[in-house]
């Protein structure tokens, strides 16, 4: 979905809109899934990266600008634990018990016009 909002600064309000957000690349060089006996599944993703393209525009009382942007997030590490209760009376369910995510680098490139 698009992101729209405004921020207040000393010199006034900045209105922004980020639209046409598309994930264009995902790399998972290290991923593993293991069973946790009696409780569920553990997913570990290491050193992943993600690239996102988008349109952006900002407006203040003094100027407005818009353009295209690229965000590249790297050194992403995720550890997630899913519980899978075994119940023979109904369909199997999976729920997220815990999740920890860290990222190392974020590179943002904005191309715009005035």
PDB file of N, CA and C in Angstrom:
ATOM      1  N   UNK A   1       0.825  -1.204   0.000  1.00  0.00           N
ATOM      2  CA  UNK A   1       0.000   0.000   0.000  1.00  0.00           C
ATOM      3  C   UNK A   1       0.867   1.266   0.000  1.00  0.00           C
ATOM      4  N   UNK A   2       0.291   2.355  -0.455  1.00  0.00           N
ATOM      5  CA  UNK A   2       0.986   3.642  -0.452  1.00  0.00           C
ATOM      6  C   UNK A   2       1.160   4.141   0.979  1.00  0.00           C
ATOM      7  N   UNK A   3       2.190   4.957   1.186  1.00  0.00           N
ATOM      8  CA  UNK A   3       2.441   5.580   2.484  1.00  0.00           C
ATOM      9  C   UNK A   3       2.249   7.079   2.328  1.00  0.00           C
ATOM     10  N   UNK A   4       1.365   7.658   3.127  1.00  0.00           N
ATOM     11  CA  UNK A   4       1.080   9.083   3.062  1.00  0.00           C
ATOM     12  C   UNK A   4       1.070   9.628   4.480  1.00  0.00           C
ATOM     13  N   UNK A   5       1.595  10.841   4.641  1.00  0.00           N
ATOM     14  CA  UNK A   5       1.574  11.445   5.964  1.00  0.00           C
ATOM     15  C   UNK A   5       2.211  12.807   5.960  1.00  0.00           C
ATOM     16  N   UNK A   6       2.459  13.311   7.157  1.00  0.00           N
ATOM     17  CA  UNK A   6       3.134  14.606   7.293  1.00  0.00           C
ATOM     18  C   UNK A   6       3.967  14.606   8.568  1.00  0.00           C
ATOM     19  N   UNK A   7       5.004  15.408   8.539  1.00  0.00           N
ATOM     20  CA  UNK A   7       5.890  15.565   9.688  1.00  0.00           C
ATOM     21  C   UNK A   7       6.018  17.045   9.991  1.00  0.00           C
ATOM     22  N   UNK A   8       6.116  17.396  11.276  1.00  0.00           N
ATOM     23  CA  UNK A   8       6.285  18.784  11.685  1.00  0.00           C
ATOM     24  C   UNK A   8       7.754  19.048  11.982  1.00  0.00           C
ATOM     25  N   UNK A   9       8.269  20.106  11.404  1.00  0.00           N
ATOM     26  CA  UNK A   9       9.636  20.546  11.637  1.00  0.00           C
ATOM     27  C   UNK A   9       9.597  21.997  12.084  1.00  0.00           C
ATOM     28  N   UNK A  10      10.733  22.525  12.485  1.00  0.00           N
ATOM     29  CA  UNK A  10      10.817  23.903  12.961  1.00  0.00           C
ATOM     30  C   UNK A  10      10.327  24.887  11.901  1.00  0.00           C
ATOM     31  N   UNK A  11      10.662  24.634  10.645  1.00  0.00           N
ATOM     32  CA  UNK A  11      10.289  25.549   9.563  1.00  0.00           C
ATOM     33  C   UNK A  11       8.913  25.263   8.960  1.00  0.00           C
ATOM     34  N   UNK A  12       8.189  24.290   9.480  1.00  0.00           N
ATOM     35  CA  UNK A  12       6.846  24.009   8.972  1.00  0.00           C
ATOM     36  C   UNK A  12       6.588  22.532   8.759  1.00  0.00           C
ATOM     37  N   UNK A  13       5.450  22.234   8.154  1.00  0.00           N
ATOM     38  CA  UNK A  13       5.041  20.859   7.897  1.00  0.00           C
ATOM     39  C   UNK A  13       5.570  20.367   6.560  1.00  0.00           C
ATOM     40  N   UNK A  14       5.904  19.089   6.511  1.00  0.00           N
ATOM     41  CA  UNK A  14       6.291  18.422   5.276  1.00  0.00           C
ATOM     42  C   UNK A  14       5.272  17.310   5.036  1.00  0.00           C
ATOM     43  N   UNK A  15       4.579  17.392   3.899  1.00  0.00           N
ATOM     44  CA  UNK A  15       3.652  16.332   3.508  1.00  0.00           C
ATOM     45  C   UNK A  15       4.382  15.419   2.538  1.00  0.00           C
ATOM     46  N   UNK A  16       4.188  14.106   2.691  1.00  0.00           N
ATOM     47  CA  UNK A  16       4.870  13.158   1.817  1.00  0.00           C
ATOM     48  C   UNK A  16       3.919  12.066   1.348  1.00  0.00           C
ATOM     49  N   UNK A  17       4.277  11.489   0.202  1.00  0.00           N
ATOM     50  CA  UNK A  17       3.534  10.352  -0.337  1.00  0.00           C
ATOM     51  C   UNK A  17       4.549   9.427  -1.005  1.00  0.00           C
ATOM     52  N   UNK A  18       4.527   8.158  -0.646  1.00  0.00           N
ATOM     53  CA  UNK A  18       5.355   7.137  -1.278  1.00  0.00           C
ATOM     54  C   UNK A  18       4.393   6.143  -1.917  1.00  0.00           C
ATOM     55  N   UNK A  19       4.517   5.971  -3.233  1.00  0.00           N
ATOM     56  CA  UNK A  19       3.557   5.129  -3.954  1.00  0.00           C
ATOM     57  C   UNK A  19       4.276   4.189  -4.908  1.00  0.00           C
ATOM     58  N   UNK A  20       3.485   3.301  -5.498  1.00  0.00           N
ATOM     59  CA  UNK A  20       4.008   2.304  -6.450  1.00  0.00           C
ATOM     60  C   UNK A  20       5.217   1.567  -5.869  1.00  0.00           C
ATOM     61  N   UNK A  21       5.057   1.096  -4.644  1.00  0.00           N
ATOM     62  CA  UNK A  21       6.127   0.387  -3.940  1.00  0.00           C
ATOM     63  C   UNK A  21       6.192  -1.036  -4.472  1.00  0.00           C
ATOM     64  N   UNK A  22       7.363  -1.414  -4.997  1.00  0.00           N
ATOM     65  CA  UNK A  22       7.545  -2.749  -5.569  1.00  0.00           C
ATOM     66  C   UNK A  22       8.845  -3.360  -5.054  1.00  0.00           C
ATOM     67  N   UNK A  23       8.761  -4.570  -4.534  1.00  0.00           N
ATOM     68  CA  UNK A  23       9.963  -5.319  -4.175  1.00  0.00           C
ATOM     69  C   UNK A  23      10.500  -5.912  -5.478  1.00  0.00           C
ATOM     70  N   UNK A  24      11.720  -5.512  -5.862  1.00  0.00           N
ATOM     71  CA  UNK A  24      12.268  -5.951  -7.146  1.00  0.00           C
ATOM     72  C   UNK A  24      13.318  -7.041  -7.008  1.00  0.00           C
ATOM     73  N   UNK A  25      13.856  -7.244  -5.812  1.00  0.00           N
ATOM     74  CA  UNK A  25      14.850  -8.304  -5.621  1.00  0.00           C
ATOM     75  C   UNK A  25      14.876  -8.741  -4.163  1.00  0.00           C
ATOM     76  N   UNK A  26      15.002 -10.037  -3.959  1.00  0.00           N
ATOM     77  CA  UNK A  26      15.170 -10.626  -2.629  1.00  0.00           C
ATOM     78  C   UNK A  26      16.250 -11.688  -2.750  1.00  0.00           C
ATOM     79  N   UNK A  27      17.244 -11.614  -1.887  1.00  0.00           N
ATOM     80  CA  UNK A  27      18.302 -12.629  -1.869  1.00  0.00           C
ATOM     81  C   UNK A  27      18.347 -13.266  -0.491  1.00  0.00           C
ATOM     82  N   UNK A  28      18.319 -14.605  -0.468  1.00  0.00           N
ATOM     83  CA  UNK A  28      18.377 -15.376   0.773  1.00  0.00           C
ATOM     84  C   UNK A  28      19.548 -16.349   0.678  1.00  0.00           C
ATOM     85  N   UNK A  29      20.783 -15.860   0.854  1.00  0.00           N
ATOM     86  CA  UNK A  29      21.936 -16.742   0.681  1.00  0.00           C
ATOM     87  C   UNK A  29      22.048 -17.824   1.754  1.00  0.00           C
ATOM     88  N   UNK A  30      21.438 -17.583   2.908  1.00  0.00           N
ATOM     89  CA  UNK A  30      21.522 -18.560   3.981  1.00  0.00           C
ATOM     90  C   UNK A  30      20.160 -18.660   4.658  1.00  0.00           C
ATOM     91  N   UNK A  31      19.505 -19.802   4.504  1.00  0.00           N
ATOM     92  CA  UNK A  31      18.210 -20.012   5.140  1.00  0.00           C
ATOM     93  C   UNK A  31      18.109 -21.461   5.583  1.00  0.00           C
ATOM     94  N   UNK A  32      17.542 -21.667   6.764  1.00  0.00           N
ATOM     95  CA  UNK A  32      17.358 -23.034   7.240  1.00  0.00           C
ATOM     96  C   UNK A  32      16.061 -23.137   8.034  1.00  0.00           C
ATOM     97  N   UNK A  33      15.482 -24.320   7.980  1.00  0.00           N
ATOM     98  CA  UNK A  33      14.275 -24.627   8.745  1.00  0.00           C
ATOM     99  C   UNK A  33      14.568 -25.879   9.559  1.00  0.00           C
ATOM    100  N   UNK A  34      14.228 -25.830  10.843  1.00  0.00           N
ATOM    101  CA  UNK A  34      14.432 -27.010  11.682  1.00  0.00           C
ATOM    102  C   UNK A  34      13.184 -27.245  12.528  1.00  0.00           C
ATOM    103  N   UNK A  35      12.970 -28.502  12.875  1.00  0.00           N
ATOM    104  CA  UNK A  35      11.841 -28.867  13.723  1.00  0.00           C
ATOM    105  C   UNK A  35      12.229 -28.733  15.184  1.00  0.00           C
ATOM    106  N   UNK A  36      11.331 -28.203  15.976  1.00  0.00           N
ATOM    107  CA  UNK A  36      11.504 -28.127  17.419  1.00  0.00           C
ATOM    108  C   UNK A  36      10.557 -29.166  18.011  1.00  0.00           C
ATOM    109  N   UNK A  37      11.092 -30.303  18.446  1.00  0.00           N
ATOM    110  CA  UNK A  37      10.234 -31.406  18.904  1.00  0.00           C
ATOM    111  C   UNK A  37       9.197 -30.960  19.932  1.00  0.00           C
ATOM    112  N   UNK A  38       7.965 -31.285  19.641  1.00  0.00           N
ATOM    113  CA  UNK A  38       6.869 -31.001  20.555  1.00  0.00           C
ATOM    114  C   UNK A  38       6.369 -29.575  20.536  1.00  0.00           C
ATOM    115  N   UNK A  39       7.018 -28.663  19.785  1.00  0.00           N
ATOM    116  CA  UNK A  39       6.547 -27.285  19.841  1.00  0.00           C
ATOM    117  C   UNK A  39       6.361 -26.614  18.490  1.00  0.00           C
ATOM    118  N   UNK A  40       7.212 -26.886  17.505  1.00  0.00           N
ATOM    119  CA  UNK A  40       6.993 -26.205  16.246  1.00  0.00           C
ATOM    120  C   UNK A  40       8.169 -26.216  15.298  1.00  0.00           C
ATOM    121  N   UNK A  41       8.350 -25.083  14.632  1.00  0.00           N
ATOM    122  CA  UNK A  41       9.341 -24.951  13.567  1.00  0.00           C
ATOM    123  C   UNK A  41      10.161 -23.683  13.803  1.00  0.00           C
ATOM    124  N   UNK A  42      11.460 -23.775  13.540  1.00  0.00           N
ATOM    125  CA  UNK A  42      12.342 -22.613  13.653  1.00  0.00           C
ATOM    126  C   UNK A  42      12.874 -22.278  12.265  1.00  0.00           C
ATOM    127  N   UNK A  43      12.724 -21.018  11.864  1.00  0.00           N
ATOM    128  CA  UNK A  43      13.217 -20.518  10.585  1.00  0.00           C
ATOM    129  C   UNK A  43      14.333 -19.524  10.861  1.00  0.00           C
ATOM    130  N   UNK A  44      15.487 -19.726  10.232  1.00  0.00           N
ATOM    131  CA  UNK A  44      16.616 -18.807  10.389  1.00  0.00           C
ATOM    132  C   UNK A  44      17.058 -18.359   8.995  1.00  0.00           C
ATOM    133  N   UNK A  45      17.086 -17.053   8.787  1.00  0.00           N
ATOM    134  CA  UNK A  45      17.554 -16.469   7.529  1.00  0.00           C
ATOM    135  C   UNK A  45      18.730 -15.569   7.868  1.00  0.00           C
ATOM    136  N   UNK A  46      19.850 -15.771   7.156  1.00  0.00           N
ATOM    137  CA  UNK A  46      21.040 -14.980   7.442  1.00  0.00           C
ATOM    138  C   UNK A  46      21.546 -14.233   6.229  1.00  0.00           C
ATOM    139  N   UNK A  47      21.999 -13.009   6.461  1.00  0.00           N
ATOM    140  CA  UNK A  47      22.645 -12.172   5.452  1.00  0.00           C
ATOM    141  C   UNK A  47      21.772 -11.976   4.205  1.00  0.00           C
ATOM    142  N   UNK A  48      20.498 -11.786   4.405  1.00  0.00           N
ATOM    143  CA  UNK A  48      19.576 -11.571   3.287  1.00  0.00           C
ATOM    144  C   UNK A  48      19.630 -10.115   2.835  1.00  0.00           C
ATOM    145  N   UNK A  49      19.108  -9.858   1.640  1.00  0.00           N
ATOM    146  CA  UNK A  49      19.005  -8.484   1.148  1.00  0.00           C
ATOM    147  C   UNK A  49      17.705  -8.303   0.376  1.00  0.00           C
ATOM    148  N   UNK A  50      17.313  -7.047   0.233  1.00  0.00           N
ATOM    149  CA  UNK A  50      16.023  -6.711  -0.345  1.00  0.00           C
ATOM    150  C   UNK A  50      16.156  -5.380  -1.073  1.00  0.00           C
ATOM    151  N   UNK A  51      15.601  -5.281  -2.283  1.00  0.00           N
ATOM    152  CA  UNK A  51      15.610  -4.029  -3.034  1.00  0.00           C
ATOM    153  C   UNK A  51      14.167  -3.631  -3.344  1.00  0.00           C
ATOM    154  N   UNK A  52      13.853  -2.362  -3.096  1.00  0.00           N
ATOM    155  CA  UNK A  52      12.506  -1.834  -3.283  1.00  0.00           C
ATOM    156  C   UNK A  52      12.579  -0.591  -4.169  1.00  0.00           C
ATOM    157  N   UNK A  53      11.724  -0.528  -5.194  1.00  0.00           N
ATOM    158  CA  UNK A  53      11.587   0.671  -6.023  1.00  0.00           C
ATOM    159  C   UNK A  53      10.284   1.364  -5.675  1.00  0.00           C
ATOM    160  N   UNK A  54      10.243   2.702  -5.840  1.00  0.00           N
ATOM    161  CA  UNK A  54       9.048   3.457  -5.456  1.00  0.00           C
ATOM    162  C   UNK A  54       9.023   4.815  -6.141  1.00  0.00           C
ATOM    163  N   UNK A  55       7.853   5.435  -6.139  1.00  0.00           N
ATOM    164  CA  UNK A  55       7.693   6.844  -6.484  1.00  0.00           C
ATOM    165  C   UNK A  55       7.553   7.612  -5.182  1.00  0.00           C
ATOM    166  N   UNK A  56       8.002   8.856  -5.154  1.00  0.00           N
ATOM    167  CA  UNK A  56       7.869   9.667  -3.944  1.00  0.00           C
ATOM    168  C   UNK A  56       7.564  11.109  -4.314  1.00  0.00           C
ATOM    169  N   UNK A  57       6.913  11.811  -3.404  1.00  0.00           N
ATOM    170  CA  UNK A  57       6.773  13.253  -3.548  1.00  0.00           C
ATOM    171  C   UNK A  57       6.638  13.884  -2.174  1.00  0.00           C
ATOM    172  N   UNK A  58       7.172  15.093  -2.063  1.00  0.00           N
ATOM    173  CA  UNK A  58       7.062  15.861  -0.818  1.00  0.00           C
ATOM    174  C   UNK A  58       6.586  17.263  -1.170  1.00  0.00           C
ATOM    175  N   UNK A  59       5.940  17.903  -0.184  1.00  0.00           N
ATOM    176  CA  UNK A  59       5.433  19.259  -0.383  1.00  0.00           C
ATOM    177  C   UNK A  59       5.568  20.016   0.936  1.00  0.00           C
ATOM    178  N   UNK A  60       6.112  21.202   0.861  1.00  0.00           N
ATOM    179  CA  UNK A  60       6.187  22.101   2.013  1.00  0.00           C
ATOM    180  C   UNK A  60       5.575  23.430   1.591  1.00  0.00           C
ATOM    181  N   UNK A  61       5.523  24.384   2.495  1.00  0.00           N
ATOM    182  CA  UNK A  61       4.996  25.699   2.154  1.00  0.00           C
ATOM    183  C   UNK A  61       5.916  26.421   1.166  1.00  0.00           C
ATOM    184  N   UNK A  62       7.190  25.966   1.099  1.00  0.00           N
ATOM    185  CA  UNK A  62       8.167  26.668   0.281  1.00  0.00           C
ATOM    186  C   UNK A  62       8.452  25.982  -1.062  1.00  0.00           C
ATOM    187  N   UNK A  63       8.379  24.652  -1.124  1.00  0.00           N
ATOM    188  CA  UNK A  63       8.690  23.945  -2.368  1.00  0.00           C
ATOM    189  C   UNK A  63       7.998  22.594  -2.398  1.00  0.00           C
ATOM    190  N   UNK A  64       8.034  21.988  -3.601  1.00  0.00           N
ATOM    191  CA  UNK A  64       7.555  20.616  -3.756  1.00  0.00           C
ATOM    192  C   UNK A  64       8.531  19.901  -4.683  1.00  0.00           C
ATOM    193  N   UNK A  65       8.628  18.584  -4.508  1.00  0.00           N
ATOM    194  CA  UNK A  65       9.537  17.787  -5.335  1.00  0.00           C
ATOM    195  C   UNK A  65       8.974  16.374  -5.417  1.00  0.00           C
ATOM    196  N   UNK A  66       9.356  15.666  -6.485  1.00  0.00           N
ATOM    197  CA  UNK A  66       8.903  14.290  -6.649  1.00  0.00           C
ATOM    198  C   UNK A  66       9.906  13.548  -7.512  1.00  0.00           C
ATOM    199  N   UNK A  67       9.791  12.236  -7.541  1.00  0.00           N
ATOM    200  CA  UNK A  67      10.688  11.436  -8.366  1.00  0.00           C
ATOM    201  C   UNK A  67      10.553   9.956  -8.072  1.00  0.00           C
ATOM    202  N   UNK A  68      11.593   9.225  -8.435  1.00  0.00           N
ATOM    203  CA  UNK A  68      11.662   7.777  -8.204  1.00  0.00           C
ATOM    204  C   UNK A  68      12.742   7.522  -7.163  1.00  0.00           C
ATOM    205  N   UNK A  69      12.637   6.410  -6.471  1.00  0.00           N
ATOM    206  CA  UNK A  69      13.637   6.057  -5.480  1.00  0.00           C
ATOM    207  C   UNK A  69      13.864   4.561  -5.419  1.00  0.00           C
ATOM    208  N   UNK A  70      15.043   4.201  -4.911  1.00  0.00           N
ATOM    209  CA  UNK A  70      15.400   2.803  -4.694  1.00  0.00           C
ATOM    210  C   UNK A  70      15.940   2.676  -3.273  1.00  0.00           C
ATOM    211  N   UNK A  71      15.467   1.664  -2.564  1.00  0.00           N
ATOM    212  CA  UNK A  71      15.959   1.358  -1.222  1.00  0.00           C
ATOM    213  C   UNK A  71      16.548  -0.044  -1.270  1.00  0.00           C
ATOM    214  N   UNK A  72      17.795  -0.167  -0.824  1.00  0.00           N
ATOM    215  CA  UNK A  72      18.441  -1.482  -0.755  1.00  0.00           C
ATOM    216  C   UNK A  72      18.787  -1.743   0.711  1.00  0.00           C
ATOM    217  N   UNK A  73      18.232  -2.809   1.258  1.00  0.00           N
ATOM    218  CA  UNK A  73      18.467  -3.203   2.649  1.00  0.00           C
ATOM    219  C   UNK A  73      19.288  -4.478   2.618  1.00  0.00           C
ATOM    220  N   UNK A  74      20.428  -4.474   3.321  1.00  0.00           N
ATOM    221  CA  UNK A  74      21.284  -5.662   3.320  1.00  0.00           C
ATOM    222  C   UNK A  74      21.664  -6.047   4.742  1.00  0.00           C
ATOM    223  N   UNK A  75      22.312  -7.196   4.845  1.00  0.00           N
ATOM    224  CA  UNK A  75      22.710  -7.763   6.140  1.00  0.00           C
ATOM    225  C   UNK A  75      21.493  -7.948   7.049  1.00  0.00           C
ATOM    226  N   UNK A  76      20.437  -8.530   6.476  1.00  0.00           N
ATOM    227  CA  UNK A  76      19.198  -8.788   7.217  1.00  0.00           C
ATOM    228  C   UNK A  76      19.264 -10.192   7.811  1.00  0.00           C
ATOM    229  N   UNK A  77      18.974 -10.281   9.101  1.00  0.00           N
ATOM    230  CA  UNK A  77      18.963 -11.563   9.810  1.00  0.00           C
ATOM    231  C   UNK A  77      17.604 -11.730  10.476  1.00  0.00           C
ATOM    232  N   UNK A  78      16.991 -12.894  10.290  1.00  0.00           N
ATOM    233  CA  UNK A  78      15.667 -13.177  10.841  1.00  0.00           C
ATOM    234  C   UNK A  78      15.694 -14.524  11.546  1.00  0.00           C
ATOM    235  N   UNK A  79      15.154 -14.563  12.746  1.00  0.00           N
ATOM    236  CA  UNK A  79      14.912 -15.826  13.443  1.00  0.00           C
ATOM    237  C   UNK A  79      13.452 -15.821  13.861  1.00  0.00           C
ATOM    238  N   UNK A  80      12.695 -16.810  13.394  1.00  0.00           N
ATOM    239  CA  UNK A  80      11.268 -16.891  13.702  1.00  0.00           C
ATOM    240  C   UNK A  80      10.935 -18.286  14.196  1.00  0.00           C
ATOM    241  N   UNK A  81      10.071 -18.343  15.195  1.00  0.00           N
ATOM    242  CA  UNK A  81       9.601 -19.615  15.744  1.00  0.00           C
ATOM    243  C   UNK A  81       8.091 -19.679  15.525  1.00  0.00           C
ATOM    244  N   UNK A  82       7.661 -20.771  14.903  1.00  0.00           N
ATOM    245  CA  UNK A  82       6.247 -20.998  14.640  1.00  0.00           C
ATOM    246  C   UNK A  82       5.786 -22.185  15.469  1.00  0.00           C
ATOM    247  N   UNK A  83       4.628 -22.041  16.115  1.00  0.00           N
ATOM    248  CA  UNK A  83       4.074 -23.186  16.844  1.00  0.00           C
ATOM    249  C   UNK A  83       3.074 -23.897  15.943  1.00  0.00           C
ATOM    250  N   UNK A  84       3.084 -25.200  16.040  1.00  0.00           N
ATOM    251  CA  UNK A  84       2.176 -26.033  15.238  1.00  0.00           C
ATOM    252  C   UNK A  84       1.505 -27.038  16.160  1.00  0.00           C
ATOM    253  N   UNK A  85       0.464 -26.604  16.850  1.00  0.00           N
ATOM    254  CA  UNK A  85      -0.211 -27.529  17.752  1.00  0.00           C
ATOM    255  C   UNK A  85      -0.802 -28.711  16.991  1.00  0.00           C
ATOM    256  N   UNK A  86      -0.551 -29.883  17.506  1.00  0.00           N
ATOM    257  CA  UNK A  86      -1.082 -31.097  16.878  1.00  0.00           C
ATOM    258  C   UNK A  86      -2.417 -31.426  17.534  1.00  0.00           C
ATOM    259  N   UNK A  87      -3.456 -31.228  16.772  1.00  0.00           N
ATOM    260  CA  UNK A  87      -4.798 -31.496  17.263  1.00  0.00           C
ATOM    261  C   UNK A  87      -5.535 -32.248  16.168  1.00  0.00           C
ATOM    262  N   UNK A  88      -5.917 -33.470  16.442  1.00  0.00           N
ATOM    263  CA  UNK A  88      -6.547 -34.300  15.414  1.00  0.00           C
ATOM    264  C   UNK A  88      -8.020 -33.950  15.185  1.00  0.00           C
ATOM    265  N   UNK A  89      -8.550 -32.983  15.925  1.00  0.00           N
ATOM    266  CA  UNK A  89      -9.968 -32.657  15.788  1.00  0.00           C
ATOM    267  C   UNK A  89     -10.249 -31.620  14.708  1.00  0.00           C
ATOM    268  N   UNK A  90      -9.236 -30.935  14.219  1.00  0.00           N
ATOM    269  CA  UNK A  90      -9.486 -29.899  13.221  1.00  0.00           C
ATOM    270  C   UNK A  90      -8.298 -29.720  12.295  1.00  0.00           C
ATOM    271  N   UNK A  91      -8.351 -28.688  11.461  1.00  0.00           N
ATOM    272  CA  UNK A  91      -7.252 -28.453  10.528  1.00  0.00           C
ATOM    273  C   UNK A  91      -5.974 -28.022  11.266  1.00  0.00           C
ATOM    274  N   UNK A  92      -4.846 -28.296  10.650  1.00  0.00           N
ATOM    275  CA  UNK A  92      -3.572 -27.904  11.235  1.00  0.00           C
ATOM    276  C   UNK A  92      -3.447 -26.389  11.193  1.00  0.00           C
ATOM    277  N   UNK A  93      -2.958 -25.807  12.272  1.00  0.00           N
ATOM    278  CA  UNK A  93      -2.765 -24.359  12.314  1.00  0.00           C
ATOM    279  C   UNK A  93      -1.301 -24.052  12.605  1.00  0.00           C
ATOM    280  N   UNK A  94      -0.867 -22.899  12.143  1.00  0.00           N
ATOM    281  CA  UNK A  94       0.496 -22.424  12.388  1.00  0.00           C
ATOM    282  C   UNK A  94       0.390 -21.002  12.893  1.00  0.00           C
ATOM    283  N   UNK A  95       1.072 -20.701  14.001  1.00  0.00           N
ATOM    284  CA  UNK A  95       1.070 -19.328  14.502  1.00  0.00           C
ATOM    285  C   UNK A  95       2.495 -18.909  14.851  1.00  0.00           C
ATOM    286  N   UNK A  96       2.770 -17.641  14.659  1.00  0.00           N
ATOM    287  CA  UNK A  96       4.085 -17.086  14.946  1.00  0.00           C
ATOM    288  C   UNK A  96       4.217 -16.874  16.447  1.00  0.00           C
ATOM    289  N   UNK A  97       5.204 -17.546  17.056  1.00  0.00           N
ATOM    290  CA  UNK A  97       5.423 -17.450  18.493  1.00  0.00           C
ATOM    291  C   UNK A  97       6.397 -16.335  18.829  1.00  0.00           C
ATOM    292  N   UNK A  98       7.491 -16.247  18.066  1.00  0.00           N
ATOM    293  CA  UNK A  98       8.459 -15.176  18.283  1.00  0.00           C
ATOM    294  C   UNK A  98       9.174 -14.868  16.975  1.00  0.00           C
ATOM    295  N   UNK A  99       9.653 -13.630  16.876  1.00  0.00           N
ATOM    296  CA  UNK A  99      10.363 -13.211  15.677  1.00  0.00           C
ATOM    297  C   UNK A  99      11.363 -12.135  16.051  1.00  0.00           C
ATOM    298  N   UNK A 100      12.574 -12.291  15.569  1.00  0.00           N
ATOM    299  CA  UNK A 100      13.615 -11.285  15.795  1.00  0.00           C
ATOM    300  C   UNK A 100      14.245 -10.973  14.441  1.00  0.00           C
ATOM    301  N   UNK A 101      14.302  -9.688  14.102  1.00  0.00           N
ATOM    302  CA  UNK A 101      14.860  -9.252  12.826  1.00  0.00           C
ATOM    303  C   UNK A 101      15.829  -8.108  13.063  1.00  0.00           C
ATOM    304  N   UNK A 102      16.987  -8.179  12.406  1.00  0.00           N
ATOM    305  CA  UNK A 102      17.934  -7.071  12.436  1.00  0.00           C
ATOM    306  C   UNK A 102      18.402  -6.801  11.013  1.00  0.00           C
ATOM    307  N   UNK A 103      18.756  -5.553  10.755  1.00  0.00           N
ATOM    308  CA  UNK A 103      19.319  -5.218   9.445  1.00  0.00           C
ATOM    309  C   UNK A 103      20.560  -4.370   9.668  1.00  0.00           C
ATOM    310  N   UNK A 104      21.530  -4.535   8.777  1.00  0.00           N
ATOM    311  CA  UNK A 104      22.791  -3.842   8.943  1.00  0.00           C
ATOM    312  C   UNK A 104      22.890  -2.557   8.162  1.00  0.00           C
ATOM    313  N   UNK A 105      22.617  -2.589   6.853  1.00  0.00           N
ATOM    314  CA  UNK A 105      22.805  -1.425   5.998  1.00  0.00           C
ATOM    315  C   UNK A 105      21.531  -1.093   5.245  1.00  0.00           C
ATOM    316  N   UNK A 106      21.253   0.204   5.136  1.00  0.00           N
ATOM    317  CA  UNK A 106      20.142   0.692   4.328  1.00  0.00           C
ATOM    318  C   UNK A 106      20.692   1.772   3.413  1.00  0.00           C
ATOM    319  N   UNK A 107      20.557   1.569   2.104  1.00  0.00           N
ATOM    320  CA  UNK A 107      21.037   2.522   1.107  1.00  0.00           C
ATOM    321  C   UNK A 107      19.825   3.074   0.365  1.00  0.00           C
ATOM    322  N   UNK A 108      19.638   4.397   0.423  1.00  0.00           N
ATOM    323  CA  UNK A 108      18.483   5.035  -0.212  1.00  0.00           C
ATOM    324  C   UNK A 108      18.994   5.971  -1.304  1.00  0.00           C
ATOM    325  N   UNK A 109      18.450   5.784  -2.513  1.00  0.00           N
ATOM    326  CA  UNK A 109      18.794   6.661  -3.643  1.00  0.00           C
ATOM    327  C   UNK A 109      17.511   7.295  -4.148  1.00  0.00           C
ATOM    328  N   UNK A 110      17.476   8.633  -4.168  1.00  0.00           N
ATOM    329  CA  UNK A 110      16.318   9.366  -4.645  1.00  0.00           C
ATOM    330  C   UNK A 110      16.705  10.147  -5.888  1.00  0.00           C
ATOM    331  N   UNK A 111      15.935   9.999  -6.947  1.00  0.00           N
ATOM    332  CA  UNK A 111      16.096  10.790  -8.158  1.00  0.00           C
ATOM    333  C   UNK A 111      14.872  11.680  -8.240  1.00  0.00           C
ATOM    334  N   UNK A 112      15.094  12.973  -8.374  1.00  0.00           N
ATOM    335  CA  UNK A 112      13.950  13.868  -8.368  1.00  0.00           C
ATOM    336  C   UNK A 112      14.061  14.991  -9.353  1.00  0.00           C
ATOM    337  N   UNK A 113      13.024  15.818  -9.340  1.00  0.00           N
ATOM    338  CA  UNK A 113      12.980  17.011 -10.168  1.00  0.00           C
ATOM    339  C   UNK A 113      12.365  18.116  -9.343  1.00  0.00           C
ATOM    340  N   UNK A 114      12.669  19.346  -9.638  1.00  0.00           N
ATOM    341  CA  UNK A 114      12.093  20.465  -8.890  1.00  0.00           C
ATOM    342  C   UNK A 114      11.123  21.247  -9.715  1.00  0.00           C
TER     343      UNK A 114
END
